[in-house]
Amino acid sequence: MVDIKQYVKGAEDKMKAAIEYLDEQLSHIRAGKANPKILDGVKVSYYGSIVPLSNVASINTPDAKTIIITPWEKPLIKDIEKAILNSDVGITPENNGEIIRLGIPPLTEERRRQLAKQSKQEAENAKISVRNARRDAIDLLKKSIKDGTPEDVEKDAEGEVQKIHDRYIKKVDELYAAKEKEIMTV
């Protein structure tokens, strides 16, 4: 007889990973406020290798409309500026020789709708991952009947997987609703 709890735990772990991934993806979507995570995808040339921006500079947000990047080495300012311009951040950097300042422009209504749509797509992808984890667990549980698991035990485990699934789908909806509210708030 196989360990039923192992299948349930495996499904829950996959669902948890989907939520964490969604949270990470939503944090990269700019919502009109300065958020250092929008620079996570920016890579800088540093002594011949390509490294994340956060490895060569400190990134701060003194207010809701500004991101300040302080390079650890002054000669890097030009490289950092070039990396930001070449990235998909869509903000032109300004430097004063010491620091780089990014002014976050207010979002247009059309851009807000696009970002909300992008957030919805990310949430939908997370829901698909959660559903796949549920399906895989239920398939394993049904196969375990052939290996000698009693049907009532399998049905109970299936119900438990469904409850966990429902809880994680609700979390996805909550994360999406919060992000949509953040994006649409002017």
N, C-alpha and C. Protein backbone atom coordinates (compact mmCIF):
# COMPACT_ATOMS: atom_id res chain seq x y z
N MET A 1 0.85 -1.20 0.00
CA MET A 1 0.00 0.00 0.00
C MET A 1 0.88 1.25 0.00
N VAL A 2 0.52 2.19 -0.82
CA VAL A 2 1.31 3.41 -0.95
C VAL A 2 0.88 4.43 0.10
N ASP A 3 1.74 5.43 0.31
CA ASP A 3 1.45 6.45 1.31
C ASP A 3 0.59 7.55 0.68
N ILE A 4 -0.68 7.58 1.07
CA ILE A 4 -1.64 8.55 0.52
C ILE A 4 -1.26 9.98 0.90
N LYS A 5 -0.81 10.16 2.14
CA LYS A 5 -0.46 11.50 2.62
C LYS A 5 0.66 12.12 1.77
N GLN A 6 1.51 11.27 1.24
CA GLN A 6 2.62 11.74 0.40
C GLN A 6 2.07 12.40 -0.88
N TYR A 7 1.05 11.81 -1.47
CA TYR A 7 0.44 12.39 -2.67
C TYR A 7 -0.22 13.73 -2.36
N VAL A 8 -0.93 13.80 -1.25
CA VAL A 8 -1.61 15.03 -0.85
C VAL A 8 -0.58 16.12 -0.58
N LYS A 9 0.48 15.77 0.14
CA LYS A 9 1.54 16.73 0.48
C LYS A 9 2.23 17.22 -0.80
N GLY A 10 2.49 16.31 -1.72
CA GLY A 10 3.12 16.69 -2.98
C GLY A 10 2.28 17.68 -3.77
N ALA A 11 0.98 17.43 -3.79
CA ALA A 11 0.07 18.34 -4.50
C ALA A 11 0.07 19.71 -3.83
N GLU A 12 0.03 19.71 -2.48
CA GLU A 12 0.01 21.00 -1.77
C GLU A 12 1.31 21.77 -2.01
N ASP A 13 2.44 21.07 -2.05
CA ASP A 13 3.72 21.73 -2.31
C ASP A 13 3.74 22.38 -3.69
N LYS A 14 3.18 21.67 -4.69
CA LYS A 14 3.13 22.23 -6.05
C LYS A 14 2.23 23.46 -6.08
N MET A 15 1.11 23.40 -5.36
CA MET A 15 0.18 24.54 -5.33
C MET A 15 0.83 25.74 -4.64
N LYS A 16 1.56 25.46 -3.58
CA LYS A 16 2.25 26.53 -2.85
C LYS A 16 3.29 27.18 -3.75
N ALA A 17 4.01 26.38 -4.51
CA ALA A 17 5.01 26.91 -5.44
C ALA A 17 4.35 27.79 -6.50
N ALA A 18 3.17 27.40 -6.96
CA ALA A 18 2.45 28.21 -7.96
C ALA A 18 2.08 29.57 -7.38
N ILE A 19 1.66 29.60 -6.11
CA ILE A 19 1.30 30.86 -5.45
C ILE A 19 2.54 31.75 -5.31
N GLU A 20 3.66 31.15 -4.89
CA GLU A 20 4.89 31.93 -4.73
C GLU A 20 5.35 32.50 -6.06
N TYR A 21 5.23 31.71 -7.12
CA TYR A 21 5.62 32.17 -8.45
C TYR A 21 4.71 33.32 -8.90
N LEU A 22 3.41 33.19 -8.65
CA LEU A 22 2.47 34.25 -9.00
C LEU A 22 2.81 35.54 -8.26
N ASP A 23 3.08 35.43 -6.97
CA ASP A 23 3.43 36.58 -6.16
C ASP A 23 4.66 37.28 -6.75
N GLU A 24 5.64 36.49 -7.13
CA GLU A 24 6.88 37.02 -7.72
C GLU A 24 6.57 37.73 -9.04
N GLN A 25 5.77 37.10 -9.90
CA GLN A 25 5.45 37.69 -11.20
C GLN A 25 4.66 38.99 -11.04
N LEU A 26 3.71 39.01 -10.12
CA LEU A 26 2.90 40.22 -9.92
C LEU A 26 3.76 41.37 -9.37
N SER A 27 4.78 41.04 -8.59
CA SER A 27 5.62 42.10 -8.03
C SER A 27 6.45 42.79 -9.12
N HIS A 28 6.65 42.11 -10.25
CA HIS A 28 7.41 42.71 -11.36
C HIS A 28 6.54 43.64 -12.21
N ILE A 29 5.24 43.57 -12.05
CA ILE A 29 4.34 44.42 -12.85
C ILE A 29 4.24 45.78 -12.18
N ARG A 30 4.61 46.79 -12.93
CA ARG A 30 4.66 48.16 -12.40
C ARG A 30 3.24 48.69 -12.22
N ALA A 31 2.99 49.29 -11.06
CA ALA A 31 1.64 49.76 -10.78
C ALA A 31 1.59 51.27 -10.52
N GLY A 32 2.48 52.02 -11.15
CA GLY A 32 2.45 53.47 -10.97
C GLY A 32 3.23 53.93 -9.75
N LYS A 33 3.61 53.00 -8.88
CA LYS A 33 4.40 53.33 -7.71
C LYS A 33 5.81 52.82 -7.93
N ALA A 34 6.77 53.50 -7.32
CA ALA A 34 8.16 53.07 -7.42
C ALA A 34 8.32 51.75 -6.67
N ASN A 35 8.82 50.74 -7.37
CA ASN A 35 9.04 49.43 -6.78
C ASN A 35 10.37 48.90 -7.30
N PRO A 36 11.35 48.69 -6.43
CA PRO A 36 12.67 48.24 -6.90
C PRO A 36 12.62 46.92 -7.68
N LYS A 37 11.58 46.12 -7.49
CA LYS A 37 11.50 44.82 -8.18
C LYS A 37 11.33 44.97 -9.69
N ILE A 38 10.89 46.14 -10.17
CA ILE A 38 10.76 46.29 -11.62
C ILE A 38 12.13 46.28 -12.30
N LEU A 39 13.20 46.45 -11.50
CA LEU A 39 14.56 46.43 -12.05
C LEU A 39 15.22 45.06 -11.94
N ASP A 40 14.49 44.06 -11.44
CA ASP A 40 15.07 42.72 -11.26
C ASP A 40 15.57 42.12 -12.57
N GLY A 41 14.94 42.44 -13.67
CA GLY A 41 15.32 41.86 -14.95
C GLY A 41 16.48 42.58 -15.63
N VAL A 42 16.95 43.70 -15.05
CA VAL A 42 18.01 44.48 -15.68
C VAL A 42 19.36 43.84 -15.38
N LYS A 43 20.13 43.57 -16.44
CA LYS A 43 21.47 42.97 -16.31
C LYS A 43 22.51 43.99 -16.78
N VAL A 44 23.63 44.05 -16.03
CA VAL A 44 24.68 45.03 -16.30
C VAL A 44 25.97 44.31 -16.64
N SER A 45 26.72 44.87 -17.59
CA SER A 45 28.03 44.32 -17.92
C SER A 45 29.00 44.77 -16.85
N TYR A 46 29.62 43.81 -16.16
CA TYR A 46 30.52 44.12 -15.05
C TYR A 46 31.78 43.29 -15.20
N TYR A 47 32.87 43.94 -15.59
CA TYR A 47 34.15 43.28 -15.80
C TYR A 47 34.02 42.05 -16.70
N GLY A 48 33.31 42.21 -17.80
CA GLY A 48 33.21 41.15 -18.79
C GLY A 48 32.11 40.14 -18.57
N SER A 49 31.42 40.20 -17.44
CA SER A 49 30.30 39.26 -17.24
C SER A 49 29.01 40.04 -17.03
N ILE A 50 27.90 39.39 -17.30
CA ILE A 50 26.59 40.02 -17.16
C ILE A 50 26.02 39.64 -15.79
N VAL A 51 25.74 40.65 -14.98
CA VAL A 51 25.23 40.40 -13.62
C VAL A 51 23.95 41.21 -13.38
N PRO A 52 23.10 40.78 -12.44
CA PRO A 52 21.91 41.56 -12.10
C PRO A 52 22.29 42.93 -11.54
N LEU A 53 21.49 43.92 -11.80
CA LEU A 53 21.73 45.29 -11.33
C LEU A 53 21.94 45.34 -9.82
N SER A 54 21.17 44.54 -9.09
CA SER A 54 21.25 44.57 -7.62
C SER A 54 22.61 44.08 -7.11
N ASN A 55 23.42 43.43 -7.98
CA ASN A 55 24.75 42.96 -7.57
C ASN A 55 25.82 44.05 -7.66
N VAL A 56 25.52 45.16 -8.36
CA VAL A 56 26.53 46.20 -8.55
C VAL A 56 26.10 47.57 -8.02
N ALA A 57 24.88 47.64 -7.46
CA ALA A 57 24.39 48.92 -6.96
C ALA A 57 23.32 48.71 -5.91
N SER A 58 23.13 49.74 -5.08
CA SER A 58 22.00 49.68 -4.14
C SER A 58 20.82 50.40 -4.77
N ILE A 59 19.64 49.86 -4.55
CA ILE A 59 18.43 50.40 -5.16
C ILE A 59 17.48 50.81 -4.05
N ASN A 60 17.08 52.09 -4.03
CA ASN A 60 16.20 52.60 -2.98
C ASN A 60 15.02 53.34 -3.59
N THR A 61 13.94 53.45 -2.81
CA THR A 61 12.78 54.23 -3.22
C THR A 61 12.49 55.27 -2.14
N PRO A 62 13.02 56.49 -2.32
CA PRO A 62 12.80 57.52 -1.31
C PRO A 62 11.35 58.00 -1.24
N ASP A 63 10.63 57.92 -2.36
CA ASP A 63 9.20 58.26 -2.36
C ASP A 63 8.48 57.39 -3.39
N ALA A 64 7.18 57.58 -3.53
CA ALA A 64 6.36 56.71 -4.39
C ALA A 64 6.62 56.91 -5.88
N LYS A 65 7.32 57.97 -6.26
CA LYS A 65 7.51 58.27 -7.68
C LYS A 65 8.97 58.21 -8.14
N THR A 66 9.89 57.79 -7.26
CA THR A 66 11.31 57.83 -7.60
C THR A 66 12.02 56.56 -7.15
N ILE A 67 12.92 56.08 -8.01
CA ILE A 67 13.84 55.00 -7.64
C ILE A 67 15.24 55.58 -7.79
N ILE A 68 16.07 55.38 -6.75
CA ILE A 68 17.44 55.87 -6.81
C ILE A 68 18.38 54.68 -6.81
N ILE A 69 19.31 54.68 -7.79
CA ILE A 69 20.29 53.61 -7.92
C ILE A 69 21.67 54.21 -7.62
N THR A 70 22.34 53.66 -6.61
CA THR A 70 23.66 54.13 -6.23
C THR A 70 24.67 53.04 -6.56
N PRO A 71 25.47 53.23 -7.63
CA PRO A 71 26.46 52.21 -8.00
C PRO A 71 27.54 52.12 -6.93
N TRP A 72 28.08 50.92 -6.75
CA TRP A 72 29.15 50.74 -5.78
C TRP A 72 30.48 51.22 -6.33
N GLU A 73 30.57 51.33 -7.66
CA GLU A 73 31.77 51.86 -8.30
C GLU A 73 31.32 52.92 -9.30
N LYS A 74 31.89 54.13 -9.20
CA LYS A 74 31.45 55.26 -10.04
C LYS A 74 31.51 54.97 -11.55
N PRO A 75 32.55 54.28 -12.06
CA PRO A 75 32.60 54.05 -13.52
C PRO A 75 31.41 53.23 -14.05
N LEU A 76 30.68 52.56 -13.18
CA LEU A 76 29.56 51.74 -13.63
C LEU A 76 28.33 52.55 -14.03
N ILE A 77 28.29 53.82 -13.71
CA ILE A 77 27.10 54.63 -13.98
C ILE A 77 26.67 54.52 -15.45
N LYS A 78 27.62 54.66 -16.37
CA LYS A 78 27.28 54.59 -17.80
C LYS A 78 26.74 53.21 -18.18
N ASP A 79 27.37 52.15 -17.65
CA ASP A 79 26.91 50.79 -17.96
C ASP A 79 25.51 50.55 -17.42
N ILE A 80 25.25 51.03 -16.21
CA ILE A 80 23.93 50.85 -15.59
C ILE A 80 22.88 51.61 -16.40
N GLU A 81 23.23 52.85 -16.77
CA GLU A 81 22.30 53.66 -17.57
C GLU A 81 21.97 52.96 -18.89
N LYS A 82 23.00 52.43 -19.55
CA LYS A 82 22.81 51.73 -20.83
C LYS A 82 21.93 50.48 -20.63
N ALA A 83 22.17 49.75 -19.55
CA ALA A 83 21.39 48.54 -19.27
C ALA A 83 19.92 48.87 -19.04
N ILE A 84 19.64 49.96 -18.34
CA ILE A 84 18.25 50.36 -18.08
C ILE A 84 17.57 50.78 -19.39
N LEU A 85 18.29 51.54 -20.22
CA LEU A 85 17.73 51.97 -21.50
C LEU A 85 17.44 50.77 -22.41
N ASN A 86 18.30 49.75 -22.37
CA ASN A 86 18.12 48.58 -23.23
C ASN A 86 17.10 47.59 -22.67
N SER A 87 16.69 47.75 -21.43
CA SER A 87 15.73 46.81 -20.82
C SER A 87 14.31 47.21 -21.20
N ASP A 88 13.34 46.40 -20.74
CA ASP A 88 11.93 46.69 -21.04
C ASP A 88 11.26 47.48 -19.91
N VAL A 89 12.07 48.16 -19.08
CA VAL A 89 11.50 48.96 -17.98
C VAL A 89 10.71 50.14 -18.54
N GLY A 90 11.21 50.75 -19.61
CA GLY A 90 10.48 51.84 -20.26
C GLY A 90 10.60 53.18 -19.55
N ILE A 91 11.67 53.37 -18.78
CA ILE A 91 11.89 54.64 -18.08
C ILE A 91 13.29 55.12 -18.42
N THR A 92 13.41 56.41 -18.74
CA THR A 92 14.71 56.98 -19.08
C THR A 92 15.41 57.41 -17.79
N PRO A 93 16.63 56.89 -17.57
CA PRO A 93 17.36 57.25 -16.35
C PRO A 93 18.01 58.63 -16.44
N GLU A 94 18.14 59.30 -15.31
CA GLU A 94 18.86 60.58 -15.23
C GLU A 94 19.98 60.37 -14.23
N ASN A 95 21.21 60.84 -14.57
CA ASN A 95 22.28 60.69 -13.59
C ASN A 95 22.94 62.03 -13.33
N ASN A 96 23.49 62.18 -12.12
CA ASN A 96 24.18 63.42 -11.76
C ASN A 96 25.66 63.14 -11.47
N GLY A 97 26.17 62.01 -11.95
CA GLY A 97 27.55 61.66 -11.73
C GLY A 97 27.75 60.81 -10.48
N GLU A 98 26.82 60.86 -9.56
CA GLU A 98 26.90 60.10 -8.30
C GLU A 98 25.87 58.98 -8.27
N ILE A 99 24.63 59.34 -8.62
CA ILE A 99 23.51 58.39 -8.55
C ILE A 99 22.71 58.45 -9.84
N ILE A 100 21.90 57.42 -10.04
CA ILE A 100 20.96 57.40 -11.17
C ILE A 100 19.56 57.49 -10.58
N ARG A 101 18.78 58.39 -11.14
CA ARG A 101 17.42 58.60 -10.64
C ARG A 101 16.44 58.18 -11.73
N LEU A 102 15.45 57.37 -11.35
CA LEU A 102 14.38 56.98 -12.27
C LEU A 102 13.09 57.61 -11.77
N GLY A 103 12.52 58.50 -12.55
CA GLY A 103 11.22 59.07 -12.20
C GLY A 103 10.12 58.20 -12.78
N ILE A 104 9.26 57.69 -11.91
CA ILE A 104 8.18 56.81 -12.37
C ILE A 104 7.03 57.68 -12.87
N PRO A 105 6.75 57.64 -14.17
CA PRO A 105 5.66 58.46 -14.69
C PRO A 105 4.30 57.88 -14.30
N PRO A 106 3.29 58.73 -14.17
CA PRO A 106 1.96 58.20 -13.87
C PRO A 106 1.45 57.38 -15.06
N LEU A 107 0.69 56.34 -14.76
CA LEU A 107 0.19 55.46 -15.81
C LEU A 107 -1.04 56.05 -16.47
N THR A 108 -1.15 55.85 -17.79
CA THR A 108 -2.35 56.26 -18.49
C THR A 108 -3.44 55.20 -18.23
N GLU A 109 -4.66 55.56 -18.51
CA GLU A 109 -5.78 54.62 -18.30
C GLU A 109 -5.60 53.36 -19.16
N GLU A 110 -5.15 53.57 -20.40
CA GLU A 110 -4.95 52.43 -21.31
C GLU A 110 -3.85 51.50 -20.78
N ARG A 111 -2.77 52.09 -20.28
CA ARG A 111 -1.66 51.29 -19.74
C ARG A 111 -2.11 50.53 -18.48
N ARG A 112 -2.94 51.17 -17.67
CA ARG A 112 -3.47 50.50 -16.47
C ARG A 112 -4.28 49.27 -16.87
N ARG A 113 -5.09 49.42 -17.90
CA ARG A 113 -5.90 48.28 -18.37
C ARG A 113 -4.99 47.15 -18.87
N GLN A 114 -3.93 47.52 -19.62
CA GLN A 114 -2.98 46.51 -20.11
C GLN A 114 -2.33 45.76 -18.95
N LEU A 115 -1.91 46.51 -17.93
CA LEU A 115 -1.24 45.89 -16.78
C LEU A 115 -2.21 45.00 -16.01
N ALA A 116 -3.46 45.44 -15.89
CA ALA A 116 -4.48 44.62 -15.21
C ALA A 116 -4.71 43.33 -15.99
N LYS A 117 -4.72 43.44 -17.31
CA LYS A 117 -4.90 42.27 -18.17
C LYS A 117 -3.71 41.30 -18.01
N GLN A 118 -2.51 41.86 -17.96
CA GLN A 118 -1.31 41.06 -17.77
C GLN A 118 -1.36 40.34 -16.41
N SER A 119 -1.82 41.05 -15.39
CA SER A 119 -1.95 40.46 -14.04
C SER A 119 -2.97 39.32 -14.07
N LYS A 120 -4.07 39.54 -14.79
CA LYS A 120 -5.10 38.50 -14.88
C LYS A 120 -4.55 37.25 -15.56
N GLN A 121 -3.72 37.45 -16.59
CA GLN A 121 -3.11 36.32 -17.29
C GLN A 121 -2.18 35.55 -16.36
N GLU A 122 -1.40 36.27 -15.56
CA GLU A 122 -0.51 35.61 -14.59
C GLU A 122 -1.33 34.81 -13.58
N ALA A 123 -2.44 35.40 -13.12
CA ALA A 123 -3.30 34.70 -12.16
C ALA A 123 -3.91 33.45 -12.80
N GLU A 124 -4.30 33.57 -14.04
CA GLU A 124 -4.88 32.42 -14.76
C GLU A 124 -3.85 31.30 -14.89
N ASN A 125 -2.60 31.66 -15.19
CA ASN A 125 -1.53 30.66 -15.28
C ASN A 125 -1.32 29.95 -13.94
N ALA A 126 -1.42 30.71 -12.86
CA ALA A 126 -1.26 30.12 -11.53
C ALA A 126 -2.41 29.16 -11.24
N LYS A 127 -3.62 29.54 -11.63
CA LYS A 127 -4.77 28.66 -11.43
C LYS A 127 -4.60 27.36 -12.21
N ILE A 128 -4.07 27.46 -13.41
CA ILE A 128 -3.84 26.26 -14.23
C ILE A 128 -2.84 25.35 -13.52
N SER A 129 -1.78 25.93 -12.96
CA SER A 129 -0.78 25.13 -12.23
C SER A 129 -1.41 24.44 -11.03
N VAL A 130 -2.27 25.16 -10.31
CA VAL A 130 -2.93 24.58 -9.13
C VAL A 130 -3.84 23.44 -9.57
N ARG A 131 -4.59 23.66 -10.63
CA ARG A 131 -5.50 22.60 -11.12
C ARG A 131 -4.71 21.38 -11.59
N ASN A 132 -3.57 21.61 -12.26
CA ASN A 132 -2.74 20.49 -12.72
C ASN A 132 -2.21 19.69 -11.54
N ALA A 133 -1.82 20.37 -10.48
CA ALA A 133 -1.32 19.68 -9.29
C ALA A 133 -2.44 18.81 -8.70
N ARG A 134 -3.67 19.36 -8.68
CA ARG A 134 -4.81 18.59 -8.16
C ARG A 134 -5.06 17.37 -9.03
N ARG A 135 -5.07 17.58 -10.34
CA ARG A 135 -5.33 16.48 -11.27
C ARG A 135 -4.28 15.38 -11.12
N ASP A 136 -3.00 15.77 -11.04
CA ASP A 136 -1.93 14.78 -10.90
C ASP A 136 -2.10 13.98 -9.61
N ALA A 137 -2.44 14.67 -8.52
CA ALA A 137 -2.62 13.99 -7.23
C ALA A 137 -3.80 13.01 -7.30
N ILE A 138 -4.89 13.43 -7.90
CA ILE A 138 -6.07 12.57 -7.99
C ILE A 138 -5.77 11.36 -8.88
N ASP A 139 -5.02 11.57 -9.96
CA ASP A 139 -4.64 10.44 -10.82
C ASP A 139 -3.80 9.43 -10.03
N LEU A 140 -2.85 9.93 -9.25
CA LEU A 140 -2.02 9.04 -8.43
C LEU A 140 -2.86 8.29 -7.40
N LEU A 141 -3.82 9.00 -6.81
CA LEU A 141 -4.69 8.37 -5.81
C LEU A 141 -5.52 7.25 -6.45
N LYS A 142 -6.06 7.52 -7.64
CA LYS A 142 -6.87 6.50 -8.31
C LYS A 142 -6.04 5.28 -8.69
N LYS A 143 -4.78 5.53 -9.10
CA LYS A 143 -3.90 4.41 -9.42
C LYS A 143 -3.55 3.60 -8.17
N SER A 144 -3.54 4.30 -7.01
CA SER A 144 -3.16 3.61 -5.77
C SER A 144 -4.20 2.56 -5.36
N ILE A 145 -5.43 2.68 -5.88
CA ILE A 145 -6.46 1.67 -5.58
C ILE A 145 -6.00 0.31 -6.11
N LYS A 146 -5.36 0.32 -7.28
CA LYS A 146 -4.85 -0.94 -7.86
C LYS A 146 -3.75 -1.54 -6.98
N ASP A 147 -3.04 -0.67 -6.24
CA ASP A 147 -1.95 -1.14 -5.37
C ASP A 147 -2.44 -1.53 -3.98
N GLY A 148 -3.76 -1.56 -3.80
CA GLY A 148 -4.30 -2.05 -2.54
C GLY A 148 -4.85 -1.00 -1.59
N THR A 149 -4.93 0.25 -2.00
CA THR A 149 -5.51 1.27 -1.14
C THR A 149 -7.03 1.11 -1.12
N PRO A 150 -7.64 1.12 0.06
CA PRO A 150 -9.11 1.02 0.12
C PRO A 150 -9.76 2.23 -0.56
N GLU A 151 -10.91 1.99 -1.21
CA GLU A 151 -11.58 3.06 -1.95
C GLU A 151 -12.01 4.21 -1.07
N ASP A 152 -12.49 3.91 0.14
CA ASP A 152 -12.94 5.00 1.02
C ASP A 152 -11.77 5.89 1.45
N VAL A 153 -10.60 5.31 1.65
CA VAL A 153 -9.41 6.09 2.00
C VAL A 153 -9.03 6.99 0.81
N GLU A 154 -9.11 6.42 -0.39
CA GLU A 154 -8.78 7.19 -1.59
C GLU A 154 -9.76 8.35 -1.77
N LYS A 155 -11.05 8.09 -1.55
CA LYS A 155 -12.07 9.16 -1.70
C LYS A 155 -11.84 10.27 -0.67
N ASP A 156 -11.49 9.89 0.57
CA ASP A 156 -11.22 10.90 1.61
C ASP A 156 -10.02 11.77 1.20
N ALA A 157 -8.98 11.11 0.70
CA ALA A 157 -7.78 11.84 0.26
C ALA A 157 -8.11 12.76 -0.92
N GLU A 158 -8.96 12.27 -1.82
CA GLU A 158 -9.38 13.08 -2.96
C GLU A 158 -10.12 14.34 -2.48
N GLY A 159 -10.98 14.16 -1.49
CA GLY A 159 -11.70 15.29 -0.91
C GLY A 159 -10.74 16.29 -0.26
N GLU A 160 -9.72 15.77 0.40
CA GLU A 160 -8.72 16.64 1.03
C GLU A 160 -7.95 17.44 -0.02
N VAL A 161 -7.58 16.77 -1.12
CA VAL A 161 -6.89 17.46 -2.21
C VAL A 161 -7.79 18.55 -2.78
N GLN A 162 -9.08 18.28 -2.90
CA GLN A 162 -10.02 19.28 -3.42
C GLN A 162 -10.10 20.49 -2.50
N LYS A 163 -10.12 20.25 -1.18
CA LYS A 163 -10.17 21.36 -0.21
C LYS A 163 -8.92 22.22 -0.32
N ILE A 164 -7.77 21.56 -0.43
CA ILE A 164 -6.51 22.30 -0.56
C ILE A 164 -6.53 23.11 -1.86
N HIS A 165 -7.02 22.48 -2.93
CA HIS A 165 -7.14 23.15 -4.24
C HIS A 165 -7.99 24.41 -4.11
N ASP A 166 -9.15 24.28 -3.46
CA ASP A 166 -10.06 25.42 -3.32
C ASP A 166 -9.39 26.56 -2.54
N ARG A 167 -8.64 26.19 -1.51
CA ARG A 167 -7.96 27.20 -0.69
C ARG A 167 -6.93 27.97 -1.53
N TYR A 168 -6.18 27.24 -2.35
CA TYR A 168 -5.15 27.90 -3.16
C TYR A 168 -5.74 28.72 -4.31
N ILE A 169 -6.83 28.26 -4.87
CA ILE A 169 -7.51 29.05 -5.92
C ILE A 169 -8.00 30.37 -5.32
N LYS A 170 -8.51 30.30 -4.09
CA LYS A 170 -8.97 31.51 -3.40
C LYS A 170 -7.79 32.47 -3.18
N LYS A 171 -6.62 31.93 -2.83
CA LYS A 171 -5.43 32.77 -2.64
C LYS A 171 -5.04 33.46 -3.94
N VAL A 172 -5.13 32.73 -5.05
CA VAL A 172 -4.81 33.32 -6.36
C VAL A 172 -5.75 34.49 -6.63
N ASP A 173 -7.05 34.27 -6.39
CA ASP A 173 -8.03 35.34 -6.61
C ASP A 173 -7.73 36.55 -5.73
N GLU A 174 -7.34 36.30 -4.47
CA GLU A 174 -7.04 37.41 -3.55
C GLU A 174 -5.82 38.20 -4.02
N LEU A 175 -4.77 37.48 -4.44
CA LEU A 175 -3.56 38.16 -4.93
C LEU A 175 -3.87 39.00 -6.16
N TYR A 176 -4.66 38.42 -7.08
CA TYR A 176 -5.00 39.15 -8.30
C TYR A 176 -5.85 40.39 -7.97
N ALA A 177 -6.83 40.22 -7.09
CA ALA A 177 -7.70 41.36 -6.73
C ALA A 177 -6.89 42.49 -6.11
N ALA A 178 -5.94 42.14 -5.26
CA ALA A 178 -5.10 43.16 -4.62
C ALA A 178 -4.25 43.88 -5.66
N LYS A 179 -3.67 43.12 -6.59
CA LYS A 179 -2.82 43.73 -7.62
C LYS A 179 -3.64 44.61 -8.55
N GLU A 180 -4.84 44.12 -8.93
CA GLU A 180 -5.70 44.91 -9.81
C GLU A 180 -6.09 46.23 -9.15
N LYS A 181 -6.41 46.16 -7.85
CA LYS A 181 -6.77 47.38 -7.10
C LYS A 181 -5.58 48.35 -7.08
N GLU A 182 -4.37 47.80 -6.87
CA GLU A 182 -3.17 48.62 -6.84
C GLU A 182 -2.93 49.31 -8.20
N ILE A 183 -3.14 48.55 -9.28
CA ILE A 183 -2.92 49.10 -10.62
C ILE A 183 -3.96 50.15 -10.96
N MET A 184 -5.21 49.88 -10.66
CA MET A 184 -6.29 50.78 -11.09
C MET A 184 -6.45 52.00 -10.19
N THR A 185 -5.81 52.01 -9.01
CA THR A 185 -5.89 53.18 -8.12
C THR A 185 -4.99 54.28 -8.67
N VAL A 186 -5.59 55.42 -8.92
CA VAL A 186 -4.82 56.54 -9.49
C VAL A 186 -4.16 57.31 -8.38
